[in-house]
Structure formats: C-alpha cells, structure tokens
C-alpha cells in the first residue's frame, strides 16, 4: 500500500503535471470506485486544476474556482499511471484492473488501476476534503512542522496498544502503514510488540526521531521520480519490510517474519528484540 513517502512523491509529480490544465473527462470504470455522487463527476468537466495536496495516504486534486476536490485513496493494490495520450475508443467498464480515467485538455491524463479481486481503491468528489470520512478521522501528519516531539508524546499518552498497531492507526498518526512502521521500528531498535505504555521518555525521543528520519529519507529517495518508478524505489529502499530471510543491513542477523491473517511484519531479532524470536501470532508475550 502506498504510504506517506510514495503519496507525497505522487503529489509532487501530479502537481507538476496537472496544475493549470483543464479536465475534459472523468470516467469511472468500475461499479464501486466512486464513493460520492454529489457533486457529480460531470461537474469536473471543463474546470482547471489549481493544486494537488495530500492528507495522509489520500491524494487531493483541487480544481475550479469553486474548489472541487478529487480525493483518491489507492488502498493496498491501487496505483496511478500517467498517460501522455489515450486511445480514441474509451475503455469498456469492468474490464481488467482499470478503475477510473482522467483525461485532460491536452490529451494526456492518468488512469487509476487496482490489481486483484478485492477492490478497495476509492475516489471521492467533494467540496471540502473534510467531507471524506477517512480524511476527517486522520490524526496529524508525521512530517508537519507543528508535529514536534511534545505533540508525539501527547498522542502516545494513555495508549495501551503495541507499537506496531499504534503507528499504523490513521486516527493516531496519518500516513504510516505496514511497510514504514516496520522500517521505523527497525531504525528505533524496538520490538513491534512492545506496549506503548512501556516507553520511557528516552524511548519516545528515539522513536520520534526514527519516524521523522525514516519518512524524510524515503521521500528524498523518491523526489523527482515519475509515477511509474515509485514502487520499485520503495521496495529497493526498505531495510527489513518484505525481506524475510535476508541479512539485516545493520547487524547481519536473519530478518524474521510474523504472519497475520491479512498481513505480515518483518523485524531483526538482534536489533529489535535482544535476539529473541517473536511468536508467529498476534498475542506474542515477547514484548521487549
């Protein structure tokens, strides 16, 4: 799933490609991709894109004097593919991974695609991004200038969950998902199963700095890349996530995995758990 670094890189890419261009057509091509009906997608036709913003994992394309917003959540298997031109014949709805197409006045534009049979990619056309429930519920952005160490500590106060689950909760902190929570915890040398309530003041500082540096470094690696290259860049830049069985780049130990019903996490025993292996189930008692 695209997280803060990839969505921010997509925002930069789209800002350069879209701003100042007229939207000619918006074509929803699957039944469930469009989550709103007022205003209709036809309201976007003939309006000019004025800016592209980001809210956590959501892209926000702003268009027209009235400030209509196209809010896009790519979910786990969605992606944005830029097109310099399109075939003259429109695509048939419901065929293949194509979910939505946006065509611009100069003939270019983008497709939203989603692989697999589980369709969660979501597009909202709204007058205010806060009208999107997922955006309205978001916690602070971890890279916002106002999100300092004190604000982070205040968010964690009273938390009883484990670190992995807390970092992934979009209501707590916006934009961090499965991959970068693994990377942040590896950088901080902390177990994913450690309870938030057990963090010391020093631990909070270390975790905060690991979060900021990990995300900033990932954004820097993605800066200036075209949309088509962002997935490969994300994978190549990850140290532990998705690298089960490989050597930890810090200590050389074997990277291990804990599997759940719909996801998995990766960690380094030497760097994060004092050499102990975490039980491959959610209720592991290895909390340190």
C-alpha atoms as a PDB file:
ATOM      1  CA  UNK A   1       0.000   0.000   0.000  1.00  0.00           C
ATOM      2  CA  UNK A   2       1.358   3.470  -0.843  1.00  0.00           C
ATOM      3  CA  UNK A   3       2.242   5.359   2.339  1.00  0.00           C
ATOM      4  CA  UNK A   4       3.407   8.902   3.134  1.00  0.00           C
ATOM      5  CA  UNK A   5       6.613   8.848   1.020  1.00  0.00           C
ATOM      6  CA  UNK A   6       5.017   7.422  -2.131  1.00  0.00           C
ATOM      7  CA  UNK A   7       1.847   9.508  -1.873  1.00  0.00           C
ATOM      8  CA  UNK A   8       3.908  12.652  -1.295  1.00  0.00           C
ATOM      9  CA  UNK A   9       6.030  11.803  -4.342  1.00  0.00           C
ATOM     10  CA  UNK A  10       2.851  11.262  -6.374  1.00  0.00           C
ATOM     11  CA  UNK A  11       1.570  14.608  -5.126  1.00  0.00           C
ATOM     12  CA  UNK A  12       4.726  16.347  -6.332  1.00  0.00           C
ATOM     13  CA  UNK A  13       4.542  14.553  -9.682  1.00  0.00           C
ATOM     14  CA  UNK A  14       0.872  15.404 -10.216  1.00  0.00           C
ATOM     15  CA  UNK A  15       1.368  18.996  -9.100  1.00  0.00           C
ATOM     16  CA  UNK A  16       3.892  19.428 -11.907  1.00  0.00           C
ATOM     17  CA  UNK A  17       1.725  17.601 -14.467  1.00  0.00           C
ATOM     18  CA  UNK A  18      -1.804  18.790 -13.647  1.00  0.00           C
ATOM     19  CA  UNK A  19      -1.804  22.365 -12.360  1.00  0.00           C
ATOM     20  CA  UNK A  20      -3.076  24.787 -14.960  1.00  0.00           C
ATOM     21  CA  UNK A  21      -4.584  22.068 -17.155  1.00  0.00           C
ATOM     22  CA  UNK A  22      -8.266  21.591 -17.923  1.00  0.00           C
ATOM     23  CA  UNK A  23     -10.087  18.385 -17.043  1.00  0.00           C
ATOM     24  CA  UNK A  24     -12.041  17.188 -20.065  1.00  0.00           C
ATOM     25  CA  UNK A  25     -13.457  13.916 -18.819  1.00  0.00           C
ATOM     26  CA  UNK A  26     -13.582  11.732 -15.714  1.00  0.00           C
ATOM     27  CA  UNK A  27     -14.576   8.136 -16.453  1.00  0.00           C
ATOM     28  CA  UNK A  28     -15.383   5.768 -13.550  1.00  0.00           C
ATOM     29  CA  UNK A  29     -14.888   2.268 -14.945  1.00  0.00           C
ATOM     30  CA  UNK A  30     -15.790   0.025 -12.005  1.00  0.00           C
ATOM     31  CA  UNK A  31     -19.001  -0.041 -10.035  1.00  0.00           C
ATOM     32  CA  UNK A  32     -17.536   0.740  -6.630  1.00  0.00           C
ATOM     33  CA  UNK A  33     -14.627   3.098  -7.302  1.00  0.00           C
ATOM     34  CA  UNK A  34     -16.674   6.303  -6.955  1.00  0.00           C
ATOM     35  CA  UNK A  35     -17.867   6.792  -3.368  1.00  0.00           C
ATOM     36  CA  UNK A  36     -19.798  10.063  -3.850  1.00  0.00           C
ATOM     37  CA  UNK A  37     -22.500  11.311  -6.202  1.00  0.00           C
ATOM     38  CA  UNK A  38     -22.914  14.976  -5.226  1.00  0.00           C
ATOM     39  CA  UNK A  39     -21.269  16.828  -6.825  1.00  0.00           C
ATOM     40  CA  UNK A  40     -21.318  14.549  -9.866  1.00  0.00           C
ATOM     41  CA  UNK A  41     -18.117  13.784 -11.782  1.00  0.00           C
ATOM     42  CA  UNK A  42     -19.567  15.787 -14.679  1.00  0.00           C
ATOM     43  CA  UNK A  43     -19.031  18.913 -12.529  1.00  0.00           C
ATOM     44  CA  UNK A  44     -15.299  18.440 -13.075  1.00  0.00           C
ATOM     45  CA  UNK A  45     -15.515  18.691 -16.847  1.00  0.00           C
ATOM     46  CA  UNK A  46     -14.165  21.975 -18.154  1.00  0.00           C
ATOM     47  CA  UNK A  47     -12.565  23.072 -14.871  1.00  0.00           C
ATOM     48  CA  UNK A  48      -8.864  23.738 -14.373  1.00  0.00           C
ATOM     49  CA  UNK A  49      -6.664  22.037 -11.786  1.00  0.00           C
ATOM     50  CA  UNK A  50      -5.334  24.608  -9.303  1.00  0.00           C
ATOM     51  CA  UNK A  51      -3.304  22.490  -6.868  1.00  0.00           C
ATOM     52  CA  UNK A  52      -2.584  18.974  -5.609  1.00  0.00           C
ATOM     53  CA  UNK A  53      -2.484  18.280  -1.869  1.00  0.00           C
ATOM     54  CA  UNK A  54      -2.010  15.254   0.374  1.00  0.00           C
ATOM     55  CA  UNK A  55      -3.877  14.149   3.510  1.00  0.00           C
ATOM     56  CA  UNK A  56      -2.151  11.104   4.992  1.00  0.00           C
ATOM     57  CA  UNK A  57      -2.434   8.438   2.278  1.00  0.00           C
ATOM     58  CA  UNK A  58      -5.019  10.453   0.315  1.00  0.00           C
ATOM     59  CA  UNK A  59      -4.230  12.478  -2.795  1.00  0.00           C
ATOM     60  CA  UNK A  60      -6.337  15.623  -3.180  1.00  0.00           C
ATOM     61  CA  UNK A  61      -6.647  17.181  -6.650  1.00  0.00           C
ATOM     62  CA  UNK A  62      -8.229  20.641  -6.364  1.00  0.00           C
ATOM     63  CA  UNK A  63      -9.991  22.043  -9.426  1.00  0.00           C
ATOM     64  CA  UNK A  64     -12.083  25.044 -10.447  1.00  0.00           C
ATOM     65  CA  UNK A  65     -12.982  28.354  -8.843  1.00  0.00           C
ATOM     66  CA  UNK A  66     -15.457  26.537  -6.596  1.00  0.00           C
ATOM     67  CA  UNK A  67     -12.649  24.380  -5.248  1.00  0.00           C
ATOM     68  CA  UNK A  68     -13.913  20.904  -6.097  1.00  0.00           C
ATOM     69  CA  UNK A  69     -11.716  18.123  -4.704  1.00  0.00           C
ATOM     70  CA  UNK A  70     -10.922  14.719  -6.189  1.00  0.00           C
ATOM     71  CA  UNK A  71      -9.784  12.723  -3.153  1.00  0.00           C
ATOM     72  CA  UNK A  72      -8.059   9.457  -4.059  1.00  0.00           C
ATOM     73  CA  UNK A  73      -7.129   6.584  -1.746  1.00  0.00           C
ATOM     74  CA  UNK A  74      -5.122   3.936  -3.606  1.00  0.00           C
ATOM     75  CA  UNK A  75      -5.658   1.231  -0.941  1.00  0.00           C
ATOM     76  CA  UNK A  76      -3.439  -1.851  -0.957  1.00  0.00           C
ATOM     77  CA  UNK A  77      -3.349  -2.728  -4.654  1.00  0.00           C
ATOM     78  CA  UNK A  78      -4.145   0.548  -6.386  1.00  0.00           C
ATOM     79  CA  UNK A  79      -1.825   2.748  -8.399  1.00  0.00           C
ATOM     80  CA  UNK A  80      -1.773   5.852 -10.590  1.00  0.00           C
ATOM     81  CA  UNK A  81      -0.439   5.521 -14.130  1.00  0.00           C
ATOM     82  CA  UNK A  82       0.338   8.650 -16.136  1.00  0.00           C
ATOM     83  CA  UNK A  83      -0.573   8.614 -19.826  1.00  0.00           C
ATOM     84  CA  UNK A  84       0.728  11.018 -22.479  1.00  0.00           C
ATOM     85  CA  UNK A  85      -2.199  10.041 -24.693  1.00  0.00           C
ATOM     86  CA  UNK A  86      -5.217   7.731 -24.747  1.00  0.00           C
ATOM     87  CA  UNK A  87      -6.820   5.531 -27.432  1.00  0.00           C
ATOM     88  CA  UNK A  88      -9.657   7.163 -29.338  1.00  0.00           C
ATOM     89  CA  UNK A  89     -12.090   4.466 -28.199  1.00  0.00           C
ATOM     90  CA  UNK A  90     -12.985   4.688 -24.473  1.00  0.00           C
ATOM     91  CA  UNK A  91     -12.359   1.572 -22.377  1.00  0.00           C
ATOM     92  CA  UNK A  92     -15.201  -0.768 -21.527  1.00  0.00           C
ATOM     93  CA  UNK A  93     -16.281  -0.614 -17.872  1.00  0.00           C
ATOM     94  CA  UNK A  94     -15.492  -3.596 -15.692  1.00  0.00           C
ATOM     95  CA  UNK A  95     -12.688  -4.974 -17.860  1.00  0.00           C
ATOM     96  CA  UNK A  96      -9.315  -5.604 -16.224  1.00  0.00           C
ATOM     97  CA  UNK A  97      -7.677  -3.551 -13.472  1.00  0.00           C
ATOM     98  CA  UNK A  98      -8.663  -0.118 -14.835  1.00  0.00           C
ATOM     99  CA  UNK A  99     -10.854   1.672 -12.264  1.00  0.00           C
ATOM    100  CA  UNK A 100     -11.007   5.337 -13.335  1.00  0.00           C
ATOM    101  CA  UNK A 101      -9.598   7.561 -16.077  1.00  0.00           C
ATOM    102  CA  UNK A 102      -8.994  11.315 -16.024  1.00  0.00           C
ATOM    103  CA  UNK A 103      -8.440  12.945 -19.425  1.00  0.00           C
ATOM    104  CA  UNK A 104      -7.022  16.461 -19.753  1.00  0.00           C
ATOM    105  CA  UNK A 105      -7.475  19.082 -22.426  1.00  0.00           C
ATOM    106  CA  UNK A 106      -4.022  18.467 -23.897  1.00  0.00           C
ATOM    107  CA  UNK A 107      -4.815  14.792 -24.447  1.00  0.00           C
ATOM    108  CA  UNK A 108      -2.779  13.465 -21.531  1.00  0.00           C
ATOM    109  CA  UNK A 109      -4.009  12.377 -18.101  1.00  0.00           C
ATOM    110  CA  UNK A 110      -3.933   9.390 -15.787  1.00  0.00           C
ATOM    111  CA  UNK A 111      -5.506   6.031 -15.081  1.00  0.00           C
ATOM    112  CA  UNK A 112      -6.212   4.603 -11.649  1.00  0.00           C
ATOM    113  CA  UNK A 113      -5.738   0.834 -11.616  1.00  0.00           C
ATOM    114  CA  UNK A 114      -6.238  -1.836  -8.992  1.00  0.00           C
ATOM    115  CA  UNK A 115      -4.914  -5.377  -9.155  1.00  0.00           C
ATOM    116  CA  UNK A 116      -6.640  -8.408  -7.671  1.00  0.00           C
ATOM    117  CA  UNK A 117     -10.230  -9.244  -6.908  1.00  0.00           C
ATOM    118  CA  UNK A 118     -10.577  -7.259  -3.665  1.00  0.00           C
ATOM    119  CA  UNK A 119     -11.462  -3.734  -4.766  1.00  0.00           C
ATOM    120  CA  UNK A 120     -10.820  -1.016  -2.176  1.00  0.00           C
ATOM    121  CA  UNK A 121      -9.499   1.867  -4.276  1.00  0.00           C
ATOM    122  CA  UNK A 122     -11.712   4.854  -3.505  1.00  0.00           C
ATOM    123  CA  UNK A 123     -12.399   8.157  -5.248  1.00  0.00           C
ATOM    124  CA  UNK A 124     -14.484  10.934  -3.671  1.00  0.00           C
ATOM    125  CA  UNK A 125     -15.581  14.110  -5.450  1.00  0.00           C
ATOM    126  CA  UNK A 126     -16.348  16.641  -2.722  1.00  0.00           C
ATOM    127  CA  UNK A 127     -16.466  20.357  -1.997  1.00  0.00           C
ATOM    128  CA  UNK A 128     -14.380  20.002   1.141  1.00  0.00           C
ATOM    129  CA  UNK A 129     -11.840  17.222   1.849  1.00  0.00           C
ATOM    130  CA  UNK A 130     -13.239  17.005   5.381  1.00  0.00           C
ATOM    131  CA  UNK A 131     -16.395  15.569   3.779  1.00  0.00           C
ATOM    132  CA  UNK A 132     -14.429  12.364   3.156  1.00  0.00           C
ATOM    133  CA  UNK A 133     -14.837  10.270   6.335  1.00  0.00           C
ATOM    134  CA  UNK A 134     -11.350   8.779   6.072  1.00  0.00           C
ATOM    135  CA  UNK A 135      -9.775  12.241   5.861  1.00  0.00           C
ATOM    136  CA  UNK A 136     -11.932  13.672   8.641  1.00  0.00           C
ATOM    137  CA  UNK A 137     -10.690  10.943  11.001  1.00  0.00           C
ATOM    138  CA  UNK A 138      -6.990  11.404  10.271  1.00  0.00           C
ATOM    139  CA  UNK A 139      -4.511  12.171  13.000  1.00  0.00           C
ATOM    140  CA  UNK A 140      -1.672  14.665  12.494  1.00  0.00           C
ATOM    141  CA  UNK A 141       0.764  14.310   9.626  1.00  0.00           C
ATOM    142  CA  UNK A 142       4.093  12.957  10.939  1.00  0.00           C
ATOM    143  CA  UNK A 143       6.074  15.361   8.747  1.00  0.00           C
ATOM    144  CA  UNK A 144       4.114  18.501   9.560  1.00  0.00           C
ATOM    145  CA  UNK A 145       6.323  21.219  11.059  1.00  0.00           C
ATOM    146  CA  UNK A 146       3.961  21.537  14.020  1.00  0.00           C
ATOM    147  CA  UNK A 147       4.213  17.833  14.851  1.00  0.00           C
ATOM    148  CA  UNK A 148       7.123  18.034  17.264  1.00  0.00           C
ATOM    149  CA  UNK A 149       8.357  15.608  19.892  1.00  0.00           C
ATOM    150  CA  UNK A 150       5.998  17.058  22.521  1.00  0.00           C
ATOM    151  CA  UNK A 151       2.976  16.562  20.250  1.00  0.00           C
ATOM    152  CA  UNK A 152       4.071  12.985  19.588  1.00  0.00           C
ATOM    153  CA  UNK A 153       4.444  12.257  23.297  1.00  0.00           C
ATOM    154  CA  UNK A 154       0.995  13.689  23.974  1.00  0.00           C
ATOM    155  CA  UNK A 155      -0.546  11.387  21.341  1.00  0.00           C
ATOM    156  CA  UNK A 156       1.075   8.345  22.946  1.00  0.00           C
ATOM    157  CA  UNK A 157      -0.056   9.223  26.458  1.00  0.00           C
ATOM    158  CA  UNK A 158      -2.676   6.734  27.607  1.00  0.00           C
ATOM    159  CA  UNK A 159      -2.020   4.334  24.688  1.00  0.00           C
ATOM    160  CA  UNK A 160      -2.242   0.651  25.640  1.00  0.00           C
ATOM    161  CA  UNK A 161      -1.606  -0.927  22.257  1.00  0.00           C
ATOM    162  CA  UNK A 162       1.602  -2.379  20.912  1.00  0.00           C
ATOM    163  CA  UNK A 163       3.904  -0.114  18.898  1.00  0.00           C
ATOM    164  CA  UNK A 164       3.181  -1.676  15.529  1.00  0.00           C
ATOM    165  CA  UNK A 165      -0.577  -1.251  15.834  1.00  0.00           C
ATOM    166  CA  UNK A 166      -0.345   2.278  17.203  1.00  0.00           C
ATOM    167  CA  UNK A 167       1.930   3.512  14.405  1.00  0.00           C
ATOM    168  CA  UNK A 168      -0.419   2.094  11.752  1.00  0.00           C
ATOM    169  CA  UNK A 169      -3.568   3.678  13.210  1.00  0.00           C
ATOM    170  CA  UNK A 170      -4.527   6.505  10.835  1.00  0.00           C
ATOM    171  CA  UNK A 171      -6.581   8.152  13.586  1.00  0.00           C
ATOM    172  CA  UNK A 172      -3.433   8.487  15.681  1.00  0.00           C
ATOM    173  CA  UNK A 173      -0.861   9.413  13.017  1.00  0.00           C
ATOM    174  CA  UNK A 174      -1.728   9.882   9.340  1.00  0.00           C
ATOM    175  CA  UNK A 175       0.004   8.056   6.523  1.00  0.00           C
ATOM    176  CA  UNK A 176       2.148   5.336   8.135  1.00  0.00           C
ATOM    177  CA  UNK A 177       1.271   1.785   7.104  1.00  0.00           C
ATOM    178  CA  UNK A 178       2.636  -1.718   7.309  1.00  0.00           C
ATOM    179  CA  UNK A 179       5.917  -1.145   5.488  1.00  0.00           C
ATOM    180  CA  UNK A 180       7.144   2.050   7.102  1.00  0.00           C
ATOM    181  CA  UNK A 181       6.047   1.028  10.589  1.00  0.00           C
ATOM    182  CA  UNK A 182       8.447  -1.914  10.197  1.00  0.00           C
ATOM    183  CA  UNK A 183      11.173   0.417   8.954  1.00  0.00           C
ATOM    184  CA  UNK A 184      10.641   2.950  11.751  1.00  0.00           C
ATOM    185  CA  UNK A 185      10.748   0.297  14.470  1.00  0.00           C
ATOM    186  CA  UNK A 186      13.901  -1.214  12.987  1.00  0.00           C
ATOM    187  CA  UNK A 187      15.565   2.209  12.938  1.00  0.00           C
ATOM    188  CA  UNK A 188      14.454   2.789  16.541  1.00  0.00           C
ATOM    189  CA  UNK A 189      15.648  -0.722  17.577  1.00  0.00           C
ATOM    190  CA  UNK A 190      12.288  -1.529  19.155  1.00  0.00           C
ATOM    191  CA  UNK A 191      10.102  -4.618  19.093  1.00  0.00           C
ATOM    192  CA  UNK A 192       6.838  -4.260  17.142  1.00  0.00           C
ATOM    193  CA  UNK A 193       5.083  -5.916  20.090  1.00  0.00           C
ATOM    194  CA  UNK A 194       6.388  -3.572  22.763  1.00  0.00           C
ATOM    195  CA  UNK A 195       3.480  -1.836  24.551  1.00  0.00           C
ATOM    196  CA  UNK A 196       3.367   1.919  24.074  1.00  0.00           C
ATOM    197  CA  UNK A 197       2.776   2.349  27.804  1.00  0.00           C
ATOM    198  CA  UNK A 198       6.229   0.846  28.493  1.00  0.00           C
ATOM    199  CA  UNK A 199       8.082   3.557  26.563  1.00  0.00           C
ATOM    200  CA  UNK A 200      10.436   5.737  28.565  1.00  0.00           C
ATOM    201  CA  UNK A 201      10.953   9.410  27.802  1.00  0.00           C
ATOM    202  CA  UNK A 202      14.175   8.472  26.026  1.00  0.00           C
ATOM    203  CA  UNK A 203      12.326   5.789  24.042  1.00  0.00           C
ATOM    204  CA  UNK A 204       9.770   8.364  22.875  1.00  0.00           C
ATOM    205  CA  UNK A 205      12.553  10.635  21.651  1.00  0.00           C
ATOM    206  CA  UNK A 206      14.278   7.781  19.810  1.00  0.00           C
ATOM    207  CA  UNK A 207      11.016   6.635  18.206  1.00  0.00           C
ATOM    208  CA  UNK A 208      10.066  10.169  17.174  1.00  0.00           C
ATOM    209  CA  UNK A 209      13.442  10.787  15.552  1.00  0.00           C
ATOM    210  CA  UNK A 210      13.363   7.390  13.811  1.00  0.00           C
ATOM    211  CA  UNK A 211       9.900   8.134  12.429  1.00  0.00           C
ATOM    212  CA  UNK A 212      10.849  11.530  11.054  1.00  0.00           C
ATOM    213  CA  UNK A 213      14.185  10.456   9.595  1.00  0.00           C
ATOM    214  CA  UNK A 214      12.848   7.250   8.023  1.00  0.00           C
ATOM    215  CA  UNK A 215       9.999   9.041   6.266  1.00  0.00           C
ATOM    216  CA  UNK A 216      12.111  12.007   5.189  1.00  0.00           C
ATOM    217  CA  UNK A 217      14.814   9.774   3.740  1.00  0.00           C
ATOM    218  CA  UNK A 218      12.205   7.795   1.810  1.00  0.00           C
ATOM    219  CA  UNK A 219      10.698  10.995   0.398  1.00  0.00           C
ATOM    220  CA  UNK A 220      14.150  12.216  -0.601  1.00  0.00           C
ATOM    221  CA  UNK A 221      14.833   8.971  -2.477  1.00  0.00           C
ATOM    222  CA  UNK A 222      11.509   9.349  -4.320  1.00  0.00           C
ATOM    223  CA  UNK A 223      11.883  13.045  -5.110  1.00  0.00           C
ATOM    224  CA  UNK A 224      11.645  13.790  -8.814  1.00  0.00           C
ATOM    225  CA  UNK A 225      10.753  10.244  -9.861  1.00  0.00           C
ATOM    226  CA  UNK A 226       7.958   9.604 -12.327  1.00  0.00           C
ATOM    227  CA  UNK A 227       4.921   7.742 -11.017  1.00  0.00           C
ATOM    228  CA  UNK A 228       5.920   4.548 -12.800  1.00  0.00           C
ATOM    229  CA  UNK A 229       9.212   4.279 -10.888  1.00  0.00           C
ATOM    230  CA  UNK A 230       7.966   4.874  -7.351  1.00  0.00           C
ATOM    231  CA  UNK A 231       7.032   1.279  -6.491  1.00  0.00           C
ATOM    232  CA  UNK A 232      10.491  -0.008  -7.422  1.00  0.00           C
ATOM    233  CA  UNK A 233      12.142   2.771  -5.439  1.00  0.00           C
ATOM    234  CA  UNK A 234      10.083   1.971  -2.350  1.00  0.00           C
ATOM    235  CA  UNK A 235      10.990  -1.713  -2.479  1.00  0.00           C
ATOM    236  CA  UNK A 236      14.693  -1.064  -3.028  1.00  0.00           C
ATOM    237  CA  UNK A 237      14.874   1.382  -0.123  1.00  0.00           C
ATOM    238  CA  UNK A 238      13.301  -0.849   2.534  1.00  0.00           C
ATOM    239  CA  UNK A 239      15.719  -2.418   5.026  1.00  0.00           C
ATOM    240  CA  UNK A 240      13.543  -5.061   6.691  1.00  0.00           C
ATOM    241  CA  UNK A 241       9.989  -4.947   5.360  1.00  0.00           C
ATOM    242  CA  UNK A 242       9.443  -7.607   2.715  1.00  0.00           C
ATOM    243  CA  UNK A 243      12.939  -9.013   3.258  1.00  0.00           C
ATOM    244  CA  UNK A 244      12.250 -12.151   5.294  1.00  0.00           C
ATOM    245  CA  UNK A 245      15.262 -14.473   5.249  1.00  0.00           C
ATOM    246  CA  UNK A 246      17.699 -11.811   4.101  1.00  0.00           C
ATOM    247  CA  UNK A 247      20.539 -10.400   6.175  1.00  0.00           C
ATOM    248  CA  UNK A 248      19.873  -7.322   8.273  1.00  0.00           C
ATOM    249  CA  UNK A 249      21.876  -4.461   6.721  1.00  0.00           C
ATOM    250  CA  UNK A 250      22.827  -3.212  10.195  1.00  0.00           C
ATOM    251  CA  UNK A 251      23.957  -6.347  12.070  1.00  0.00           C
ATOM    252  CA  UNK A 252      23.809  -9.234   9.596  1.00  0.00           C
ATOM    253  CA  UNK A 253      21.251 -11.299  11.517  1.00  0.00           C
ATOM    254  CA  UNK A 254      18.471 -13.006   9.532  1.00  0.00           C
ATOM    255  CA  UNK A 255      15.339 -10.917   9.129  1.00  0.00           C
ATOM    256  CA  UNK A 256      12.301 -12.714  10.560  1.00  0.00           C
ATOM    257  CA  UNK A 257       8.577 -12.520   9.912  1.00  0.00           C
ATOM    258  CA  UNK A 258       5.363 -12.642  11.930  1.00  0.00           C
ATOM    259  CA  UNK A 259       2.318 -13.516   9.824  1.00  0.00           C
ATOM    260  CA  UNK A 260      -1.274 -12.487  10.463  1.00  0.00           C
ATOM    261  CA  UNK A 261      -4.444 -13.352   8.551  1.00  0.00           C
ATOM    262  CA  UNK A 262      -4.148 -10.448   6.100  1.00  0.00           C
ATOM    263  CA  UNK A 263      -0.624  -9.075   6.539  1.00  0.00           C
ATOM    264  CA  UNK A 264       2.817  -9.735   7.944  1.00  0.00           C
ATOM    265  CA  UNK A 265       5.585  -7.803   9.660  1.00  0.00           C
ATOM    266  CA  UNK A 266       9.344  -8.151   9.451  1.00  0.00           C
ATOM    267  CA  UNK A 267      11.956  -7.408  12.099  1.00  0.00           C
ATOM    268  CA  UNK A 268      15.561  -8.100  13.069  1.00  0.00           C
ATOM    269  CA  UNK A 269      15.915 -10.128  16.304  1.00  0.00           C
ATOM    270  CA  UNK A 270      19.375  -8.767  17.124  1.00  0.00           C
ATOM    271  CA  UNK A 271      18.482  -5.113  16.503  1.00  0.00           C
ATOM    272  CA  UNK A 272      14.966  -5.146  17.940  1.00  0.00           C
ATOM    273  CA  UNK A 273      14.236  -7.976  20.371  1.00  0.00           C
ATOM    274  CA  UNK A 274      17.521  -8.795  22.081  1.00  0.00           C
ATOM    275  CA  UNK A 275      17.964 -11.847  19.865  1.00  0.00           C
ATOM    276  CA  UNK A 276      14.587 -13.383  20.795  1.00  0.00           C
ATOM    277  CA  UNK A 277      12.252 -14.688  18.103  1.00  0.00           C
ATOM    278  CA  UNK A 278       8.707 -13.364  18.238  1.00  0.00           C
ATOM    279  CA  UNK A 279       5.965 -15.978  18.187  1.00  0.00           C
ATOM    280  CA  UNK A 280       4.204 -16.054  14.853  1.00  0.00           C
ATOM    281  CA  UNK A 281       0.873 -14.929  16.276  1.00  0.00           C
ATOM    282  CA  UNK A 282      -0.641 -11.654  17.369  1.00  0.00           C
ATOM    283  CA  UNK A 283      -0.643 -12.431  21.100  1.00  0.00           C
ATOM    284  CA  UNK A 284       3.095 -12.965  21.450  1.00  0.00           C
ATOM    285  CA  UNK A 285       4.352 -12.499  25.012  1.00  0.00           C
ATOM    286  CA  UNK A 286       7.774 -11.309  23.822  1.00  0.00           C
ATOM    287  CA  UNK A 287       7.105  -7.642  24.432  1.00  0.00           C
ATOM    288  CA  UNK A 288      10.559  -6.200  24.924  1.00  0.00           C
END
